[in-house]
C-alpha atoms as a PDB file:
ATOM      1  CA  UNK A   1       0.000   0.000   0.000  1.00  0.00           C
ATOM      2  CA  UNK A   2       2.811   2.396   0.922  1.00  0.00           C
ATOM      3  CA  UNK A   3       4.652   1.597  -2.316  1.00  0.00           C
ATOM      4  CA  UNK A   4       1.535   2.310  -4.393  1.00  0.00           C
ATOM      5  CA  UNK A   5       1.097   5.614  -2.563  1.00  0.00           C
ATOM      6  CA  UNK A   6       4.681   6.611  -3.325  1.00  0.00           C
ATOM      7  CA  UNK A   7       4.193   5.722  -6.985  1.00  0.00           C
ATOM      8  CA  UNK A   8       0.972   7.725  -7.111  1.00  0.00           C
ATOM      9  CA  UNK A   9       2.718  10.755  -5.602  1.00  0.00           C
ATOM     10  CA  UNK A  10       5.592  10.375  -8.015  1.00  0.00           C
ATOM     11  CA  UNK A  11       3.388  10.339 -11.101  1.00  0.00           C
ATOM     12  CA  UNK A  12       1.401  13.295  -9.795  1.00  0.00           C
ATOM     13  CA  UNK A  13       4.651  15.218  -9.498  1.00  0.00           C
ATOM     14  CA  UNK A  14       5.680  14.023 -12.948  1.00  0.00           C
ATOM     15  CA  UNK A  15       2.367  15.099 -14.472  1.00  0.00           C
ATOM     16  CA  UNK A  16       2.584  18.628 -13.151  1.00  0.00           C
ATOM     17  CA  UNK A  17       6.257  18.810 -14.091  1.00  0.00           C
ATOM     18  CA  UNK A  18       5.349  17.930 -17.655  1.00  0.00           C
ATOM     19  CA  UNK A  19       2.502  20.401 -17.645  1.00  0.00           C
ATOM     20  CA  UNK A  20       4.639  23.361 -16.654  1.00  0.00           C
ATOM     21  CA  UNK A  21       8.204  22.504 -17.598  1.00  0.00           C
ATOM     22  CA  UNK A  22       8.251  20.039 -20.481  1.00  0.00           C
ATOM     23  CA  UNK A  23       9.921  22.528 -22.786  1.00  0.00           C
ATOM     24  CA  UNK A  24      12.163  24.151 -20.214  1.00  0.00           C
ATOM     25  CA  UNK A  25      15.755  24.126 -21.442  1.00  0.00           C
ATOM     26  CA  UNK A  26      18.500  23.545 -18.846  1.00  0.00           C
ATOM     27  CA  UNK A  27      16.987  23.334 -15.319  1.00  0.00           C
ATOM     28  CA  UNK A  28      18.406  25.800 -12.787  1.00  0.00           C
ATOM     29  CA  UNK A  29      19.626  24.309  -9.520  1.00  0.00           C
ATOM     30  CA  UNK A  30      22.377  25.323  -7.056  1.00  0.00           C
ATOM     31  CA  UNK A  31      25.237  24.112  -9.279  1.00  0.00           C
ATOM     32  CA  UNK A  32      25.964  27.724 -10.269  1.00  0.00           C
ATOM     33  CA  UNK A  33      27.394  28.174  -6.747  1.00  0.00           C
ATOM     34  CA  UNK A  34      30.120  25.615  -7.547  1.00  0.00           C
ATOM     35  CA  UNK A  35      32.037  28.177  -9.623  1.00  0.00           C
ATOM     36  CA  UNK A  36      29.776  27.644 -12.623  1.00  0.00           C
ATOM     37  CA  UNK A  37      27.577  30.705 -13.204  1.00  0.00           C
ATOM     38  CA  UNK A  38      28.124  29.999 -16.915  1.00  0.00           C
ATOM     39  CA  UNK A  39      25.361  27.363 -16.685  1.00  0.00           C
ATOM     40  CA  UNK A  40      22.864  30.203 -16.202  1.00  0.00           C
ATOM     41  CA  UNK A  41      24.410  33.348 -17.694  1.00  0.00           C
ATOM     42  CA  UNK A  42      25.887  33.305 -21.248  1.00  0.00           C
ATOM     43  CA  UNK A  43      27.771  36.546 -20.473  1.00  0.00           C
ATOM     44  CA  UNK A  44      30.059  34.484 -18.182  1.00  0.00           C
ATOM     45  CA  UNK A  45      31.681  32.698 -21.147  1.00  0.00           C
ATOM     46  CA  UNK A  46      35.427  33.398 -21.014  1.00  0.00           C
ATOM     47  CA  UNK A  47      34.883  36.020 -18.332  1.00  0.00           C
ATOM     48  CA  UNK A  48      37.748  35.112 -16.002  1.00  0.00           C
ATOM     49  CA  UNK A  49      41.476  34.507 -16.198  1.00  0.00           C
ATOM     50  CA  UNK A  50      41.070  30.752 -16.852  1.00  0.00           C
ATOM     51  CA  UNK A  51      39.286  28.492 -19.284  1.00  0.00           C
ATOM     52  CA  UNK A  52      36.906  26.328 -17.257  1.00  0.00           C
ATOM     53  CA  UNK A  53      35.797  22.727 -17.762  1.00  0.00           C
ATOM     54  CA  UNK A  54      33.000  21.592 -15.440  1.00  0.00           C
ATOM     55  CA  UNK A  55      30.945  18.406 -15.015  1.00  0.00           C
ATOM     56  CA  UNK A  56      27.952  17.892 -12.728  1.00  0.00           C
ATOM     57  CA  UNK A  57      25.750  14.935 -11.834  1.00  0.00           C
ATOM     58  CA  UNK A  58      22.522  15.401  -9.861  1.00  0.00           C
ATOM     59  CA  UNK A  59      20.230  12.707  -8.443  1.00  0.00           C
ATOM     60  CA  UNK A  60      16.900  13.361  -6.730  1.00  0.00           C
ATOM     61  CA  UNK A  61      14.871  11.103  -4.443  1.00  0.00           C
ATOM     62  CA  UNK A  62      17.320   8.258  -3.875  1.00  0.00           C
ATOM     63  CA  UNK A  63      15.670   4.853  -3.817  1.00  0.00           C
ATOM     64  CA  UNK A  64      12.749   5.812  -6.083  1.00  0.00           C
ATOM     65  CA  UNK A  65      12.697   4.337  -9.575  1.00  0.00           C
ATOM     66  CA  UNK A  66      12.867   6.825 -12.461  1.00  0.00           C
ATOM     67  CA  UNK A  67      13.541   9.726 -10.090  1.00  0.00           C
ATOM     68  CA  UNK A  68      14.762  12.991 -11.686  1.00  0.00           C
ATOM     69  CA  UNK A  69      18.440  13.070 -12.683  1.00  0.00           C
ATOM     70  CA  UNK A  70      20.583  15.626 -14.500  1.00  0.00           C
ATOM     71  CA  UNK A  71      24.097  15.547 -15.973  1.00  0.00           C
ATOM     72  CA  UNK A  72      25.925  18.513 -17.509  1.00  0.00           C
ATOM     73  CA  UNK A  73      29.261  19.079 -19.224  1.00  0.00           C
ATOM     74  CA  UNK A  74      30.345  22.669 -19.845  1.00  0.00           C
ATOM     75  CA  UNK A  75      33.395  24.495 -21.139  1.00  0.00           C
ATOM     76  CA  UNK A  76      34.085  28.157 -21.820  1.00  0.00           C
ATOM     77  CA  UNK A  77      37.153  30.169 -22.739  1.00  0.00           C
ATOM     78  CA  UNK A  78      38.448  33.357 -24.318  1.00  0.00           C
ATOM     79  CA  UNK A  79      39.530  33.327 -27.956  1.00  0.00           C
ATOM     80  CA  UNK A  80      43.068  34.374 -26.996  1.00  0.00           C
ATOM     81  CA  UNK A  81      45.279  36.090 -24.438  1.00  0.00           C
ATOM     82  CA  UNK A  82      44.270  39.617 -25.429  1.00  0.00           C
ATOM     83  CA  UNK A  83      40.870  38.818 -26.919  1.00  0.00           C
ATOM     84  CA  UNK A  84      37.689  40.458 -25.631  1.00  0.00           C
ATOM     85  CA  UNK A  85      35.503  37.649 -26.996  1.00  0.00           C
ATOM     86  CA  UNK A  86      34.605  34.378 -25.330  1.00  0.00           C
ATOM     87  CA  UNK A  87      32.905  31.172 -26.431  1.00  0.00           C
ATOM     88  CA  UNK A  88      31.511  28.134 -24.668  1.00  0.00           C
ATOM     89  CA  UNK A  89      29.186  25.158 -24.819  1.00  0.00           C
ATOM     90  CA  UNK A  90      26.947  23.164 -22.488  1.00  0.00           C
ATOM     91  CA  UNK A  91      25.820  19.569 -22.993  1.00  0.00           C
ATOM     92  CA  UNK A  92      23.034  18.305 -20.757  1.00  0.00           C
ATOM     93  CA  UNK A  93      20.914  15.209 -20.180  1.00  0.00           C
ATOM     94  CA  UNK A  94      17.814  15.757 -18.046  1.00  0.00           C
ATOM     95  CA  UNK A  95      15.550  12.831 -17.107  1.00  0.00           C
ATOM     96  CA  UNK A  96      12.346  12.960 -15.064  1.00  0.00           C
ATOM     97  CA  UNK A  97      10.429   9.690 -14.963  1.00  0.00           C
ATOM     98  CA  UNK A  98       9.231   8.866 -18.482  1.00  0.00           C
ATOM     99  CA  UNK A  99      10.165  12.318 -19.724  1.00  0.00           C
ATOM    100  CA  UNK A 100      13.713  13.184 -20.797  1.00  0.00           C
ATOM    101  CA  UNK A 101      15.507  15.841 -22.766  1.00  0.00           C
ATOM    102  CA  UNK A 102      18.994  16.156 -24.193  1.00  0.00           C
ATOM    103  CA  UNK A 103      20.426  19.426 -25.399  1.00  0.00           C
ATOM    104  CA  UNK A 104      23.421  21.485 -26.420  1.00  0.00           C
ATOM    105  CA  UNK A 105      23.945  25.208 -25.977  1.00  0.00           C
ATOM    106  CA  UNK A 106      26.521  27.291 -27.791  1.00  0.00           C
ATOM    107  CA  UNK A 107      27.499  30.676 -26.363  1.00  0.00           C
ATOM    108  CA  UNK A 108      29.289  33.788 -27.559  1.00  0.00           C
ATOM    109  CA  UNK A 109      30.267  36.664 -25.265  1.00  0.00           C
ATOM    110  CA  UNK A 110      32.052  40.000 -25.495  1.00  0.00           C
ATOM    111  CA  UNK A 111      33.856  41.640 -22.571  1.00  0.00           C
ATOM    112  CA  UNK A 112      34.476  45.380 -22.361  1.00  0.00           C
ATOM    113  CA  UNK A 113      37.145  46.404 -19.813  1.00  0.00           C
ATOM    114  CA  UNK A 114      36.209  49.605 -17.975  1.00  0.00           C
ATOM    115  CA  UNK A 115      39.305  50.103 -15.826  1.00  0.00           C
ATOM    116  CA  UNK A 116      43.015  49.323 -15.836  1.00  0.00           C
ATOM    117  CA  UNK A 117      43.416  50.084 -12.125  1.00  0.00           C
ATOM    118  CA  UNK A 118      43.905  47.842  -9.100  1.00  0.00           C
ATOM    119  CA  UNK A 119      40.274  46.724  -9.109  1.00  0.00           C
ATOM    120  CA  UNK A 120      38.920  44.618 -11.948  1.00  0.00           C
ATOM    121  CA  UNK A 121      36.006  46.379 -13.714  1.00  0.00           C
ATOM    122  CA  UNK A 122      34.229  44.988 -16.761  1.00  0.00           C
ATOM    123  CA  UNK A 123      30.929  45.015 -18.654  1.00  0.00           C
ATOM    124  CA  UNK A 124      30.016  41.800 -20.497  1.00  0.00           C
ATOM    125  CA  UNK A 125      27.417  40.751 -23.064  1.00  0.00           C
ATOM    126  CA  UNK A 126      26.437  37.213 -24.003  1.00  0.00           C
ATOM    127  CA  UNK A 127      24.205  35.275 -26.388  1.00  0.00           C
ATOM    128  CA  UNK A 128      23.306  31.608 -26.117  1.00  0.00           C
ATOM    129  CA  UNK A 129      21.550  29.345 -28.615  1.00  0.00           C
ATOM    130  CA  UNK A 130      20.131  25.994 -27.433  1.00  0.00           C
ATOM    131  CA  UNK A 131      18.849  22.954 -29.321  1.00  0.00           C
ATOM    132  CA  UNK A 132      16.882  20.360 -27.331  1.00  0.00           C
ATOM    133  CA  UNK A 133      15.454  16.927 -28.097  1.00  0.00           C
ATOM    134  CA  UNK A 134      12.401  16.230 -25.949  1.00  0.00           C
ATOM    135  CA  UNK A 135      11.129  12.658 -25.394  1.00  0.00           C
ATOM    136  CA  UNK A 136       8.223  11.025 -23.582  1.00  0.00           C
ATOM    137  CA  UNK A 137       8.495   7.220 -23.464  1.00  0.00           C
ATOM    138  CA  UNK A 138       5.542   5.557 -21.729  1.00  0.00           C
ATOM    139  CA  UNK A 139       5.644   2.428 -23.874  1.00  0.00           C
ATOM    140  CA  UNK A 140       6.597   0.181 -20.934  1.00  0.00           C
ATOM    141  CA  UNK A 141       4.295   1.775 -18.361  1.00  0.00           C
ATOM    142  CA  UNK A 142       1.573  -0.599 -17.169  1.00  0.00           C
ATOM    143  CA  UNK A 143       0.591   0.776 -13.765  1.00  0.00           C
ATOM    144  CA  UNK A 144      -2.430   2.804 -14.885  1.00  0.00           C
ATOM    145  CA  UNK A 145      -4.695   1.959 -17.886  1.00  0.00           C
ATOM    146  CA  UNK A 146      -5.594   5.645 -18.273  1.00  0.00           C
ATOM    147  CA  UNK A 147      -1.981   6.522 -19.126  1.00  0.00           C
ATOM    148  CA  UNK A 148      -1.348   6.184 -22.864  1.00  0.00           C
ATOM    149  CA  UNK A 149       1.565   3.923 -23.811  1.00  0.00           C
ATOM    150  CA  UNK A 150       3.257   6.335 -26.196  1.00  0.00           C
ATOM    151  CA  UNK A 151       6.803   7.073 -27.315  1.00  0.00           C
ATOM    152  CA  UNK A 152       7.112  10.505 -28.914  1.00  0.00           C
ATOM    153  CA  UNK A 153      10.025  12.791 -29.719  1.00  0.00           C
ATOM    154  CA  UNK A 154      10.113  16.481 -30.543  1.00  0.00           C
ATOM    155  CA  UNK A 155      12.946  18.945 -31.058  1.00  0.00           C
ATOM    156  CA  UNK A 156      12.989  22.669 -30.473  1.00  0.00           C
ATOM    157  CA  UNK A 157      15.426  25.528 -30.100  1.00  0.00           C
ATOM    158  CA  UNK A 158      15.660  28.768 -28.165  1.00  0.00           C
ATOM    159  CA  UNK A 159      18.002  31.647 -27.360  1.00  0.00           C
ATOM    160  CA  UNK A 160      19.223  33.554 -24.283  1.00  0.00           C
ATOM    161  CA  UNK A 161      20.590  37.081 -23.828  1.00  0.00           C
ATOM    162  CA  UNK A 162      22.762  38.119 -20.901  1.00  0.00           C
ATOM    163  CA  UNK A 163      24.540  41.109 -19.341  1.00  0.00           C
ATOM    164  CA  UNK A 164      27.149  41.128 -16.568  1.00  0.00           C
ATOM    165  CA  UNK A 165      28.922  43.856 -14.628  1.00  0.00           C
ATOM    166  CA  UNK A 166      31.877  43.300 -12.296  1.00  0.00           C
ATOM    167  CA  UNK A 167      33.891  45.697 -10.170  1.00  0.00           C
ATOM    168  CA  UNK A 168      36.323  44.380  -7.605  1.00  0.00           C
ATOM    169  CA  UNK A 169      34.459  41.968  -5.365  1.00  0.00           C
ATOM    170  CA  UNK A 170      31.044  42.935  -6.745  1.00  0.00           C
ATOM    171  CA  UNK A 171      29.425  40.747  -9.417  1.00  0.00           C
ATOM    172  CA  UNK A 172      26.036  41.064 -11.098  1.00  0.00           C
ATOM    173  CA  UNK A 173      24.201  39.307 -13.931  1.00  0.00           C
ATOM    174  CA  UNK A 174      20.984  39.917 -15.837  1.00  0.00           C
ATOM    175  CA  UNK A 175      19.752  37.212 -18.221  1.00  0.00           C
ATOM    176  CA  UNK A 176      16.619  36.639 -20.275  1.00  0.00           C
ATOM    177  CA  UNK A 177      16.238  32.952 -21.100  1.00  0.00           C
ATOM    178  CA  UNK A 178      14.046  31.464 -23.839  1.00  0.00           C
ATOM    179  CA  UNK A 179      13.697  34.640 -25.878  1.00  0.00           C
ATOM    180  CA  UNK A 180      11.947  32.931 -28.778  1.00  0.00           C
ATOM    181  CA  UNK A 181       8.315  31.750 -28.759  1.00  0.00           C
ATOM    182  CA  UNK A 182       8.196  27.964 -28.444  1.00  0.00           C
ATOM    183  CA  UNK A 183       6.007  25.943 -30.781  1.00  0.00           C
ATOM    184  CA  UNK A 184       3.290  24.060 -28.917  1.00  0.00           C
ATOM    185  CA  UNK A 185       3.934  20.318 -29.147  1.00  0.00           C
ATOM    186  CA  UNK A 186       1.530  17.388 -29.122  1.00  0.00           C
ATOM    187  CA  UNK A 187       2.929  15.951 -25.900  1.00  0.00           C
ATOM    188  CA  UNK A 188       1.200  18.633 -23.863  1.00  0.00           C
ATOM    189  CA  UNK A 189      -1.545  20.722 -25.423  1.00  0.00           C
ATOM    190  CA  UNK A 190      -1.538  23.084 -22.444  1.00  0.00           C
ATOM    191  CA  UNK A 191       2.086  24.150 -22.956  1.00  0.00           C
ATOM    192  CA  UNK A 192       2.425  27.956 -22.879  1.00  0.00           C
ATOM    193  CA  UNK A 193       4.025  29.477 -25.946  1.00  0.00           C
ATOM    194  CA  UNK A 194       5.926  32.085 -23.934  1.00  0.00           C
ATOM    195  CA  UNK A 195       8.635  30.350 -21.868  1.00  0.00           C
ATOM    196  CA  UNK A 196      10.787  33.439 -21.358  1.00  0.00           C
ATOM    197  CA  UNK A 197      12.339  33.827 -17.917  1.00  0.00           C
ATOM    198  CA  UNK A 198      14.149  36.769 -16.331  1.00  0.00           C
ATOM    199  CA  UNK A 199      17.071  36.007 -14.010  1.00  0.00           C
ATOM    200  CA  UNK A 200      18.832  38.609 -11.877  1.00  0.00           C
ATOM    201  CA  UNK A 201      21.733  37.745  -9.583  1.00  0.00           C
ATOM    202  CA  UNK A 202      24.353  39.667  -7.628  1.00  0.00           C
ATOM    203  CA  UNK A 203      26.986  39.057  -4.970  1.00  0.00           C
ATOM    204  CA  UNK A 204      29.896  40.635  -3.130  1.00  0.00           C
ATOM    205  CA  UNK A 205      33.195  38.983  -2.172  1.00  0.00           C
ATOM    206  CA  UNK A 206      35.326  40.336   0.646  1.00  0.00           C
ATOM    207  CA  UNK A 207      37.781  39.275   3.370  1.00  0.00           C
ATOM    208  CA  UNK A 208      41.413  39.123   4.465  1.00  0.00           C
ATOM    209  CA  UNK A 209      44.173  36.791   3.245  1.00  0.00           C
ATOM    210  CA  UNK A 210      44.986  35.327   6.649  1.00  0.00           C
ATOM    211  CA  UNK A 211      41.381  34.841   7.690  1.00  0.00           C
ATOM    212  CA  UNK A 212      38.150  33.865   5.909  1.00  0.00           C
ATOM    213  CA  UNK A 213      36.614  35.419   2.805  1.00  0.00           C
ATOM    214  CA  UNK A 214      32.828  35.714   2.537  1.00  0.00           C
ATOM    215  CA  UNK A 215      30.544  36.041  -0.482  1.00  0.00           C
ATOM    216  CA  UNK A 216      26.840  36.728   0.122  1.00  0.00           C
ATOM    217  CA  UNK A 217      24.668  36.627  -2.999  1.00  0.00           C
ATOM    218  CA  UNK A 218      21.116  36.313  -4.261  1.00  0.00           C
ATOM    219  CA  UNK A 219      19.309  35.229  -7.423  1.00  0.00           C
ATOM    220  CA  UNK A 220      15.740  35.988  -8.537  1.00  0.00           C
ATOM    221  CA  UNK A 221      13.845  34.115 -11.281  1.00  0.00           C
ATOM    222  CA  UNK A 222      10.624  35.440 -12.836  1.00  0.00           C
ATOM    223  CA  UNK A 223       8.415  33.865 -15.503  1.00  0.00           C
ATOM    224  CA  UNK A 224       5.378  36.068 -16.118  1.00  0.00           C
ATOM    225  CA  UNK A 225       3.525  33.690 -18.454  1.00  0.00           C
ATOM    226  CA  UNK A 226       3.037  31.043 -15.752  1.00  0.00           C
ATOM    227  CA  UNK A 227       3.292  33.150 -12.597  1.00  0.00           C
ATOM    228  CA  UNK A 228       6.464  31.344 -11.465  1.00  0.00           C
ATOM    229  CA  UNK A 229       8.792  33.285  -9.179  1.00  0.00           C
ATOM    230  CA  UNK A 230      11.613  32.180  -6.935  1.00  0.00           C
ATOM    231  CA  UNK A 231      14.483  33.684  -4.960  1.00  0.00           C
ATOM    232  CA  UNK A 232      17.817  32.239  -3.774  1.00  0.00           C
ATOM    233  CA  UNK A 233      19.679  33.666  -0.777  1.00  0.00           C
ATOM    234  CA  UNK A 234      23.254  32.384  -0.508  1.00  0.00           C
ATOM    235  CA  UNK A 235      26.352  32.744   1.621  1.00  0.00           C
ATOM    236  CA  UNK A 236      29.769  31.282   0.784  1.00  0.00           C
ATOM    237  CA  UNK A 237      32.877  31.174   2.973  1.00  0.00           C
ATOM    238  CA  UNK A 238      36.439  30.547   1.713  1.00  0.00           C
ATOM    239  CA  UNK A 239      39.613  29.575   3.580  1.00  0.00           C
ATOM    240  CA  UNK A 240      42.967  29.244   1.834  1.00  0.00           C
ATOM    241  CA  UNK A 241      45.753  27.018   3.095  1.00  0.00           C
ATOM    242  CA  UNK A 242      48.848  27.033   0.874  1.00  0.00           C
ATOM    243  CA  UNK A 243      47.705  25.892  -2.611  1.00  0.00           C
ATOM    244  CA  UNK A 244      44.365  24.605  -1.361  1.00  0.00           C
ATOM    245  CA  UNK A 245      41.147  26.533  -0.915  1.00  0.00           C
ATOM    246  CA  UNK A 246      38.381  24.996   1.183  1.00  0.00           C
ATOM    247  CA  UNK A 247      34.936  26.536   0.933  1.00  0.00           C
ATOM    248  CA  UNK A 248      31.380  25.991   2.047  1.00  0.00           C
ATOM    249  CA  UNK A 249      28.037  27.502   1.115  1.00  0.00           C
ATOM    250  CA  UNK A 250      24.460  27.575   2.310  1.00  0.00           C
ATOM    251  CA  UNK A 251      21.643  28.340  -0.131  1.00  0.00           C
ATOM    252  CA  UNK A 252      17.970  28.889   0.644  1.00  0.00           C
ATOM    253  CA  UNK A 253      15.457  28.880  -2.222  1.00  0.00           C
ATOM    254  CA  UNK A 254      11.777  29.737  -1.974  1.00  0.00           C
ATOM    255  CA  UNK A 255       9.215  29.960  -4.729  1.00  0.00           C
ATOM    256  CA  UNK A 256       6.508  32.622  -4.842  1.00  0.00           C
ATOM    257  CA  UNK A 257       4.320  31.162  -7.588  1.00  0.00           C
ATOM    258  CA  UNK A 258       1.001  32.938  -8.006  1.00  0.00           C
ATOM    259  CA  UNK A 259      -0.852  29.713  -8.913  1.00  0.00           C
ATOM    260  CA  UNK A 260       0.756  27.334  -6.399  1.00  0.00           C
ATOM    261  CA  UNK A 261      -1.157  25.567  -3.627  1.00  0.00           C
ATOM    262  CA  UNK A 262       2.027  25.487  -1.539  1.00  0.00           C
ATOM    263  CA  UNK A 263       5.225  27.330  -2.459  1.00  0.00           C
ATOM    264  CA  UNK A 264       8.328  25.147  -2.322  1.00  0.00           C
ATOM    265  CA  UNK A 265      11.251  25.785   0.013  1.00  0.00           C
ATOM    266  CA  UNK A 266      14.707  24.237  -0.316  1.00  0.00           C
ATOM    267  CA  UNK A 267      17.839  24.402   1.825  1.00  0.00           C
ATOM    268  CA  UNK A 268      21.154  23.377   0.245  1.00  0.00           C
ATOM    269  CA  UNK A 269      24.450  23.066   2.118  1.00  0.00           C
ATOM    270  CA  UNK A 270      27.478  22.802  -0.191  1.00  0.00           C
ATOM    271  CA  UNK A 271      31.100  21.880   0.522  1.00  0.00           C
ATOM    272  CA  UNK A 272      33.962  22.251  -1.930  1.00  0.00           C
ATOM    273  CA  UNK A 273      37.702  22.219  -2.394  1.00  0.00           C
ATOM    274  CA  UNK A 274      39.950  23.877  -4.969  1.00  0.00           C
ATOM    275  CA  UNK A 275      43.433  22.358  -5.258  1.00  0.00           C
ATOM    276  CA  UNK A 276      45.702  24.036  -7.783  1.00  0.00           C
ATOM    277  CA  UNK A 277      43.707  23.782 -11.046  1.00  0.00           C
ATOM    278  CA  UNK A 278      41.193  21.191  -9.828  1.00  0.00           C
ATOM    279  CA  UNK A 279      37.856  21.692  -8.072  1.00  0.00           C
ATOM    280  CA  UNK A 280      35.341  19.381  -6.409  1.00  0.00           C
ATOM    281  CA  UNK A 281      32.048  20.076  -4.640  1.00  0.00           C
ATOM    282  CA  UNK A 282      29.136  18.187  -3.117  1.00  0.00           C
ATOM    283  CA  UNK A 283      25.623  19.602  -2.709  1.00  0.00           C
ATOM    284  CA  UNK A 284      22.775  18.213  -0.633  1.00  0.00           C
ATOM    285  CA  UNK A 285      19.324  19.755  -1.082  1.00  0.00           C
ATOM    286  CA  UNK A 286      16.500  19.195   1.371  1.00  0.00           C
ATOM    287  CA  UNK A 287      12.896  20.195   0.708  1.00  0.00           C
ATOM    288  CA  UNK A 288      11.409  22.006   3.707  1.00  0.00           C
ATOM    289  CA  UNK A 289       7.708  21.818   2.853  1.00  0.00           C
ATOM    290  CA  UNK A 290       5.183  19.963   4.999  1.00  0.00           C
ATOM    291  CA  UNK A 291       4.344  17.702   2.037  1.00  0.00           C
ATOM    292  CA  UNK A 292       7.371  15.996   0.466  1.00  0.00           C
ATOM    293  CA  UNK A 293       7.713  12.894  -1.694  1.00  0.00           C
ATOM    294  CA  UNK A 294      10.749  11.490   0.124  1.00  0.00           C
ATOM    295  CA  UNK A 295      13.123  12.446   2.918  1.00  0.00           C
ATOM    296  CA  UNK A 296      16.197  11.249   0.988  1.00  0.00           C
ATOM    297  CA  UNK A 297      16.905  14.685  -0.482  1.00  0.00           C
ATOM    298  CA  UNK A 298      18.797  15.629  -3.625  1.00  0.00           C
ATOM    299  CA  UNK A 299      22.492  14.926  -4.180  1.00  0.00           C
ATOM    300  CA  UNK A 300      24.872  16.604  -6.607  1.00  0.00           C
ATOM    301  CA  UNK A 301      28.575  16.275  -7.354  1.00  0.00           C
ATOM    302  CA  UNK A 302      30.563  18.783  -9.419  1.00  0.00           C
ATOM    303  CA  UNK A 303      34.142  18.402 -10.656  1.00  0.00           C
ATOM    304  CA  UNK A 304      36.170  20.845 -12.691  1.00  0.00           C
ATOM    305  CA  UNK A 305      39.478  21.810 -14.207  1.00  0.00           C
ATOM    306  CA  UNK A 306      40.882  25.295 -14.830  1.00  0.00           C
ATOM    307  CA  UNK A 307      42.987  25.506 -17.986  1.00  0.00           C
ATOM    308  CA  UNK A 308      45.407  28.061 -19.472  1.00  0.00           C
ATOM    309  CA  UNK A 309      45.294  30.376 -16.468  1.00  0.00           C
ATOM    310  CA  UNK A 310      46.451  33.909 -17.266  1.00  0.00           C
ATOM    311  CA  UNK A 311      47.618  36.749 -15.031  1.00  0.00           C
ATOM    312  CA  UNK A 312      44.598  38.548 -13.609  1.00  0.00           C
ATOM    313  CA  UNK A 313      44.077  42.151 -14.724  1.00  0.00           C
ATOM    314  CA  UNK A 314      42.994  43.307 -11.252  1.00  0.00           C
ATOM    315  CA  UNK A 315      41.513  42.134  -7.945  1.00  0.00           C
ATOM    316  CA  UNK A 316      38.156  40.440  -8.505  1.00  0.00           C
ATOM    317  CA  UNK A 317      35.583  37.965  -7.163  1.00  0.00           C
ATOM    318  CA  UNK A 318      36.217  34.176  -7.448  1.00  0.00           C
ATOM    319  CA  UNK A 319      34.267  33.622 -10.691  1.00  0.00           C
ATOM    320  CA  UNK A 320      36.671  36.107 -12.349  1.00  0.00           C
ATOM    321  CA  UNK A 321      39.944  35.213 -10.640  1.00  0.00           C
ATOM    322  CA  UNK A 322      41.047  31.629 -10.000  1.00  0.00           C
ATOM    323  CA  UNK A 323      43.677  32.888  -7.569  1.00  0.00           C
ATOM    324  CA  UNK A 324      43.015  32.511  -3.851  1.00  0.00           C
ATOM    325  CA  UNK A 325      42.878  35.178  -1.171  1.00  0.00           C
ATOM    326  CA  UNK A 326      41.610  38.705  -0.689  1.00  0.00           C
ATOM    327  CA  UNK A 327      42.193  41.945  -2.508  1.00  0.00           C
END
């Protein structure tokens, strides 16, 4: 009886996920806090003094069959030592029950230096173009006769536009995702045509070399067509020992959806380590609502490599400078 209840809850969650998000491009979780804001903001392509290769793997609801899972592979770099242009790509595989999507995003950015002084100051622009293959495979589902046993595939594309401004320890991003109207598909006749989303984020990094550096930040997401709104409130702490930087973060996310019965709340502690050119982080996300599907939480691992590190133009926040320490 308990197992059937869990399955019923799972497919209810799946149904509403398909209803509202079946043509979402890359889902937005807390992986951007693991030195990977490029996953969200195209203007971050080639923005720092290193080329960055990152991989993430995310698993939700451990122990439940067909639970949501996401894998990403991203890389971004400048064209050359003195170039103001950057490029990058993201590959992703997102699976949620019988629904899955695979996609690739290509990104171009341009960085305009605003100062040659001690503090890094720069204005950045970015464009991203994404192609996604969307699949619903219910051909093997036999738990409910009212669920059609179908296997359908559709493909679609979309584009993002992004701005970024950095000065010293201050960082800010403004991105509009899914700029183009999305063609309604036959997997979900209630799919809204307008999937555009506005994302605004900002943070400030400060601290002393021989102590701990802190970086409070926030991110707001708004989608007017569906009434979806959410806000992240984050704090990161860094401690450098020789060539190793140990860091931890705490992120709180709450939705403010206008049509929701109960707005979701998530708390995500993150631990990470940067050793020379390598990085590793682990994220655990716990849903704080009264009604949850499982208490097992969400687990994510991120690994990365910084390549072709160049001398930094001026003191800056960690997503600009791969060097450790304060200003």
